Structures are given as structure tokens and as C-alpha cells.
Amino acid sequence: DCERCQCHSEDKRTAILYTLLSQNLNHSRGGRSPAHQRCLCHQRRTVCLRTPHVTCQAASNVLLKTISFMKNLPSFYLLPREDQLLLLDSCWVPLFLLGLVQEMVTFEVMETPAPSMLKKILLDGQSEQQEPERTQPTLAAVQRLQCCLNTFWKLDLSPKEYAYLKGAILFNPDVPGLRASPYIKSLQQEAQRALHEVLQPLHPEDQGRFARILLISSTLKSIPPALITDLFFRPVIGNADIVEFIVEMLYEITDRQLAP
């Protein structure tokens, strides 16, 4: 609860100055609630990558490999274009996250530097007219993401397990609006069957591994696309739409590189 976190017990010596300086900001923006002020609790504390150049480059490489995976699936291109786009929009995040796990991409975050109060006052009403303010990931959201990735790392999947699991994630018949849903369902069942079969010789003693992999993979769908975009790709593409960027690379450009 933000009302009980440490940000409401900061040094009282700055409270009066903060109140006086922020009056102009609150007045010009119609008044902001305390929840929108800088907060130190995990739920509202914003963070950014500690090494954005290195991490964004690694994330871009993973995204390119994810797109290459879809390009190399003939069964994907046999689908109507509308279904391809629906599946891409629905599954690019879990496929990308699975790529992060497979490529062993780790990252650290740090608290987002706070703009000075003087800068806020002087530039209030000007920067907002030029471009919309970018959202920042919260520490709580990033920790949930890292927990999800760590859980997957513990599975220690083989290359074949990754490949078949990606197919099972991509061909999701439950995406609303699909025209070829029965065919997509058969493709998902085929990928799941192949995954189950490859587990037998690799892990004969672990009878519950198949169900555990599918259960843990379902957690990837709970990660918001906005979090992935803001954390890994906003420093690269700015305010561009990441899905439009992916579609462009998938259908029109074969050698485009993302570069921070």
C-alpha cells in the first residue's frame, strides 16, 4: 500500500520546500493525487535497465531469432494472413521471453533517476506538448518477470524441447477472431505431442515434466506486452509501435537489424 510506504516518511526538512515548489505543477495539471508523486514502494517505484546498450542489443538479437523461427515454419505461412497477424500479436511476448531463457539473457535494473523539481516547473506544459511522456516499468513488475524467467531456467530445457514448446505457444487456437482455428488447434496438438515424445528418452524418470513445462509456460502469457516493450525496446524504437515493427520485419525485411 503506497499510503503506508516509506515515501511518506521522508526527511521533513524538505517537505515545506517540496509543497511550495509542487503547487505550480499540481495547479497546472488539475491536481495530482499522492499516488502519482514519487513513491519508493515496489509497486510504484520505476526502474530502467542498468546497462541498456548491452541488454537492448541482446534483446534485439532474441527478437530477430524469434521472427526467424516464425519465418521458417511453412505451416505458419499456410495460414490466412489475418490469422498470422492475430497469432503474432498474441504470442510474440511469450515467444520472446522463451528466447531470453534459451539464450540465457540476464539483466539488471536500477531506479529511474528523478527529474529535478526545478526542471519539472520550468518545462511543465512544454515537453508534454512535444511528445507523450514515456511510461517506465515498476520494480514489482520487473521482479515478477525475473521470477518467471528463473523458474524456466530451472527446467533446463533441451533445444528440441524449446523448439516444440515454441510451436505449441505460437499455434494457439484460443486467440479470438481466428479463421482457421481447427487447423491451428491440430498444429498445437502436433507440437505438444512431439514435445511429449521427446521427453521420454531425455527424462524417463520424470513423468510429470510434460505437464510442468506446459504449466510454467502459461505464466509467460501473464507478462504484459507493455512491460517488455518499455523495458527492452523503447530505448531502441522510441514511441514506435513494436508490433508494427515486428510485422514489417516478418513480411518485408529479411536483414534489418535493431541497433540501440
Protein backbone atom coordinates (compact mmCIF):
# COMPACT_ATOMS: atom_id res chain seq x y z
CA ASP A 1 0.00 0.00 0.00
CA CYS A 2 1.52 3.29 -1.11
CA GLU A 3 -0.11 5.20 1.71
CA ARG A 4 1.94 3.24 4.26
CA CYS A 5 5.27 3.03 2.42
CA GLN A 6 8.47 4.84 3.29
CA CYS A 7 7.96 7.58 0.75
CA HIS A 8 5.53 9.23 3.17
CA SER A 9 8.11 9.41 5.95
CA GLU A 10 10.93 11.18 4.12
CA ASP A 11 13.05 13.91 5.63
CA LYS A 12 10.63 16.51 6.96
CA ARG A 13 13.11 19.29 6.24
CA THR A 14 12.27 19.09 2.53
CA ALA A 15 8.52 18.77 2.94
CA ILE A 16 7.75 22.51 3.01
CA LEU A 17 10.00 23.28 0.05
CA TYR A 18 8.52 20.35 -1.91
CA THR A 19 4.99 21.55 -1.18
CA LEU A 20 5.74 25.11 -2.29
CA LEU A 21 7.51 24.08 -5.49
CA SER A 22 4.95 21.46 -6.46
CA GLN A 23 1.97 23.79 -6.10
CA ASN A 24 2.51 25.12 -9.62
CA LEU A 25 2.68 21.61 -11.03
CA ASN A 26 -0.44 20.46 -9.23
CA HIS A 27 -2.34 23.56 -10.25
CA SER A 28 -1.38 23.36 -13.94
CA ARG A 29 -2.27 19.64 -14.14
CA GLY A 30 -5.51 19.91 -12.28
CA GLY A 31 -4.00 18.48 -9.11
CA ARG A 32 -2.30 15.14 -8.77
CA SER A 33 -3.14 12.61 -6.12
CA PRO A 34 -0.39 11.47 -3.73
CA ALA A 35 -0.28 8.16 -5.61
CA HIS A 36 1.23 9.97 -8.61
CA GLN A 37 4.03 11.55 -6.62
CA ARG A 38 7.40 9.84 -6.48
CA CYS A 39 6.98 6.71 -4.43
CA LEU A 40 9.56 4.32 -3.04
CA CYS A 41 7.41 1.20 -2.65
CA HIS A 42 7.90 -1.73 -5.03
CA GLN A 43 4.50 -1.28 -6.66
CA ARG A 44 5.19 2.25 -7.89
CA ARG A 45 8.98 2.62 -7.91
CA THR A 46 10.04 2.94 -11.54
CA VAL A 47 13.19 1.32 -12.88
CA CYS A 48 15.26 1.15 -16.06
CA LEU A 49 17.99 -1.11 -17.39
CA ARG A 50 21.37 -0.72 -15.72
CA THR A 51 23.22 -1.42 -18.99
CA PRO A 52 20.69 -0.53 -21.72
CA HIS A 53 23.11 -0.73 -24.64
CA VAL A 54 24.19 -4.29 -23.84
CA THR A 55 20.78 -5.57 -22.76
CA CYS A 56 18.83 -3.96 -25.61
CA GLN A 57 21.26 -5.42 -28.14
CA ALA A 58 20.83 -8.89 -26.63
CA ALA A 59 17.04 -8.45 -26.58
CA SER A 60 17.06 -7.30 -30.20
CA ASN A 61 19.01 -10.39 -31.22
CA VAL A 62 16.49 -12.59 -29.42
CA LEU A 63 13.61 -10.81 -31.18
CA LEU A 64 15.26 -11.36 -34.57
CA LYS A 65 15.67 -15.07 -33.79
CA THR A 66 12.02 -15.20 -32.72
CA ILE A 67 10.94 -13.72 -36.04
CA SER A 68 13.27 -16.11 -37.87
CA PHE A 69 11.61 -19.02 -36.06
CA MET A 70 8.21 -17.99 -37.44
CA LYS A 71 9.64 -17.40 -40.92
CA ASN A 72 11.00 -20.93 -41.04
CA LEU A 73 7.64 -22.58 -40.28
CA PRO A 74 5.82 -23.47 -43.54
CA SER A 75 2.69 -24.32 -41.55
CA PHE A 76 2.60 -20.74 -40.28
CA TYR A 77 2.66 -19.28 -43.79
CA LEU A 78 -0.11 -21.64 -44.92
CA LEU A 79 -2.46 -19.81 -42.56
CA PRO A 80 -4.56 -16.86 -43.75
CA ARG A 81 -2.69 -13.57 -43.36
CA GLU A 82 -5.28 -12.37 -40.86
CA ASP A 83 -4.64 -15.40 -38.65
CA GLN A 84 -0.89 -14.92 -38.91
CA LEU A 85 -1.22 -11.37 -37.62
CA LEU A 86 -3.54 -12.40 -34.79
CA LEU A 87 -1.17 -15.15 -33.67
CA LEU A 88 1.82 -12.84 -33.92
CA ASP A 89 0.14 -10.14 -31.83
CA SER A 90 -0.90 -12.71 -29.24
CA CYS A 91 2.28 -14.76 -28.94
CA TRP A 92 5.29 -12.54 -29.66
CA VAL A 93 5.82 -11.77 -25.97
CA PRO A 94 5.86 -15.39 -24.66
CA LEU A 95 7.99 -16.47 -27.63
CA PHE A 96 10.40 -13.61 -26.98
CA LEU A 97 10.60 -14.47 -23.28
CA LEU A 98 11.25 -18.09 -24.13
CA GLY A 99 14.06 -16.83 -26.35
CA LEU A 100 15.51 -14.86 -23.45
CA VAL A 101 15.56 -18.04 -21.40
CA GLN A 102 17.11 -20.11 -24.18
CA GLU A 103 19.81 -17.51 -24.88
CA MET A 104 20.48 -17.08 -21.15
CA VAL A 105 19.96 -13.31 -21.33
CA THR A 106 20.21 -11.77 -17.86
CA PHE A 107 19.74 -8.13 -16.95
CA GLU A 108 19.81 -5.77 -14.01
CA VAL A 109 17.71 -2.70 -13.35
CA MET A 110 18.21 0.45 -11.34
CA GLU A 111 15.85 3.10 -10.06
CA THR A 112 14.86 5.63 -12.68
CA PRO A 113 16.57 8.98 -11.99
CA ALA A 114 14.04 11.54 -10.83
CA PRO A 115 13.91 14.82 -12.77
CA SER A 116 14.71 17.83 -10.67
CA MET A 117 11.80 19.78 -9.26
CA LEU A 118 13.08 22.96 -10.93
CA LYS A 119 13.12 21.23 -14.32
CA LYS A 120 9.58 19.99 -13.78
CA ILE A 121 8.37 23.51 -13.05
CA LEU A 122 10.26 25.22 -15.88
CA LEU A 123 9.33 22.65 -18.53
CA ASP A 124 5.82 21.88 -17.34
CA GLY A 125 3.37 22.16 -20.21
CA GLN A 126 6.13 22.30 -22.84
CA SER A 127 7.61 18.80 -23.08
CA GLU A 128 4.16 17.24 -22.85
CA GLN A 129 3.08 19.14 -25.94
CA GLN A 130 6.09 17.94 -27.91
CA GLU A 131 5.83 14.22 -27.20
CA PRO A 132 3.90 11.99 -24.77
CA GLU A 133 5.64 11.05 -21.56
CA ARG A 134 7.03 7.52 -21.73
CA THR A 135 5.89 5.00 -19.19
CA GLN A 136 8.50 3.32 -17.01
CA PRO A 137 8.46 -0.27 -15.72
CA THR A 138 7.92 -0.71 -12.00
CA LEU A 139 10.26 -2.66 -9.77
CA ALA A 140 7.46 -5.05 -8.81
CA ALA A 141 6.69 -5.84 -12.47
CA VAL A 142 10.35 -6.46 -13.31
CA GLN A 143 10.76 -8.73 -10.29
CA ARG A 144 7.76 -10.79 -11.42
CA LEU A 145 9.34 -11.07 -14.87
CA GLN A 146 12.70 -12.17 -13.45
CA CYS A 147 10.98 -14.72 -11.22
CA CYS A 148 9.22 -16.16 -14.26
CA LEU A 149 12.49 -16.41 -16.20
CA ASN A 150 14.29 -18.01 -13.24
CA THR A 151 11.58 -20.66 -12.98
CA PHE A 152 12.10 -21.54 -16.63
CA TRP A 153 15.89 -21.69 -16.26
CA LYS A 154 15.45 -24.34 -13.57
CA LEU A 155 13.74 -26.58 -16.13
CA ASP A 156 16.97 -26.69 -18.18
CA LEU A 157 15.18 -27.39 -21.48
CA SER A 158 16.96 -29.03 -24.39
CA PRO A 159 16.98 -27.41 -27.88
CA LYS A 160 14.27 -29.82 -29.06
CA GLU A 161 12.11 -29.02 -26.05
CA TYR A 162 12.44 -25.31 -26.80
CA ALA A 163 11.53 -25.84 -30.46
CA TYR A 164 8.38 -27.87 -29.83
CA LEU A 165 7.29 -25.66 -26.95
CA LYS A 166 7.58 -22.59 -29.18
CA GLY A 167 5.33 -24.30 -31.70
CA ALA A 168 2.77 -25.10 -29.01
CA ILE A 169 2.81 -21.45 -27.91
CA LEU A 170 2.63 -20.00 -31.42
CA PHE A 171 -0.29 -22.11 -32.63
CA ASN A 172 -2.84 -21.03 -30.05
CA PRO A 173 -6.39 -21.85 -31.24
CA ASP A 174 -7.94 -19.81 -28.42
CA VAL A 175 -6.97 -16.44 -29.90
CA PRO A 176 -10.23 -14.60 -30.71
CA GLY A 177 -11.05 -13.97 -34.36
CA LEU A 178 -9.10 -16.82 -35.96
CA ARG A 179 -10.49 -18.12 -39.25
CA ALA A 180 -8.58 -21.41 -39.24
CA SER A 181 -8.94 -22.25 -35.56
CA PRO A 182 -9.46 -26.03 -36.06
CA TYR A 183 -6.32 -26.28 -38.20
CA ILE A 184 -4.35 -24.22 -35.70
CA LYS A 185 -5.57 -26.48 -32.91
CA SER A 186 -4.28 -29.52 -34.81
CA LEU A 187 -0.89 -27.80 -35.19
CA GLN A 188 -0.74 -27.11 -31.47
CA GLN A 189 -1.65 -30.71 -30.66
CA GLU A 190 1.06 -31.90 -33.04
CA ALA A 191 3.66 -29.68 -31.34
CA GLN A 192 2.57 -30.84 -27.89
CA ARG A 193 2.68 -34.49 -28.97
CA ALA A 194 6.19 -34.03 -30.35
CA LEU A 195 7.24 -32.35 -27.08
CA HIS A 196 5.82 -35.24 -25.06
CA GLU A 197 7.59 -37.81 -27.23
CA VAL A 198 10.98 -36.12 -26.98
CA LEU A 199 10.72 -36.10 -23.18
CA GLN A 200 10.57 -39.88 -22.91
CA PRO A 201 14.22 -40.61 -23.81
CA LEU A 202 15.56 -37.38 -22.30
CA HIS A 203 13.81 -37.61 -18.92
CA PRO A 204 12.40 -41.13 -18.50
CA GLU A 205 12.33 -40.82 -14.72
CA ASP A 206 10.40 -37.52 -14.68
CA GLN A 207 6.82 -38.42 -15.59
CA GLY A 208 5.46 -35.01 -14.61
CA ARG A 209 7.86 -32.93 -16.69
CA PHE A 210 5.49 -32.50 -19.66
CA ALA A 211 2.65 -31.10 -17.53
CA ARG A 212 5.10 -28.94 -15.57
CA ILE A 213 6.55 -27.41 -18.75
CA LEU A 214 3.09 -26.53 -20.08
CA LEU A 215 2.05 -25.09 -16.72
CA ILE A 216 5.13 -22.91 -16.36
CA SER A 217 4.91 -21.79 -20.00
CA SER A 218 1.40 -20.48 -19.30
CA THR A 219 2.93 -17.93 -16.92
CA LEU A 220 4.67 -16.28 -19.87
CA LYS A 221 1.29 -15.10 -21.14
CA SER A 222 0.75 -13.15 -17.90
CA ILE A 223 3.64 -10.77 -18.67
CA PRO A 224 2.19 -7.55 -20.16
CA PRO A 225 3.48 -6.62 -23.63
CA ALA A 226 3.82 -3.01 -22.44
CA LEU A 227 6.36 -4.09 -19.82
CA ILE A 228 8.51 -5.92 -22.38
CA THR A 229 8.28 -3.03 -24.83
CA ASP A 230 9.12 -0.33 -22.28
CA LEU A 231 11.94 -2.30 -20.69
CA PHE A 232 13.76 -3.77 -23.71
CA PHE A 233 12.68 -1.91 -26.85
CA ARG A 234 11.55 1.62 -26.00
CA PRO A 235 15.19 2.80 -25.80
CA VAL A 236 15.65 1.45 -29.34
CA ILE A 237 12.43 2.26 -31.22
CA GLY A 238 11.22 5.27 -29.25
CA ASN A 239 7.45 5.71 -29.45
CA ALA A 240 7.05 3.42 -32.47
CA ASP A 241 4.60 0.50 -32.28
CA ILE A 242 6.62 -2.65 -31.60
CA VAL A 243 4.04 -4.95 -33.23
CA GLU A 244 4.11 -2.92 -36.45
CA PHE A 245 7.90 -3.15 -36.33
CA ILE A 246 7.75 -6.94 -35.96
CA VAL A 247 5.23 -7.28 -38.79
CA GLU A 248 7.48 -5.19 -41.02
CA MET A 249 10.45 -7.43 -40.31
CA LEU A 250 8.43 -10.61 -40.72
CA TYR A 251 6.92 -9.83 -44.12
CA GLU A 252 9.03 -7.19 -45.83
CA ILE A 253 12.58 -7.01 -44.46
CA THR A 254 14.86 -10.01 -44.13
CA ASP A 255 18.10 -8.40 -42.96
CA ARG A 256 17.04 -5.42 -40.86
CA GLN A 257 18.91 -5.03 -37.59
CA LEU A 258 17.75 -3.38 -34.40
CA ALA A 259 20.53 -1.18 -33.07
CA PRO A 260 20.40 0.86 -29.85
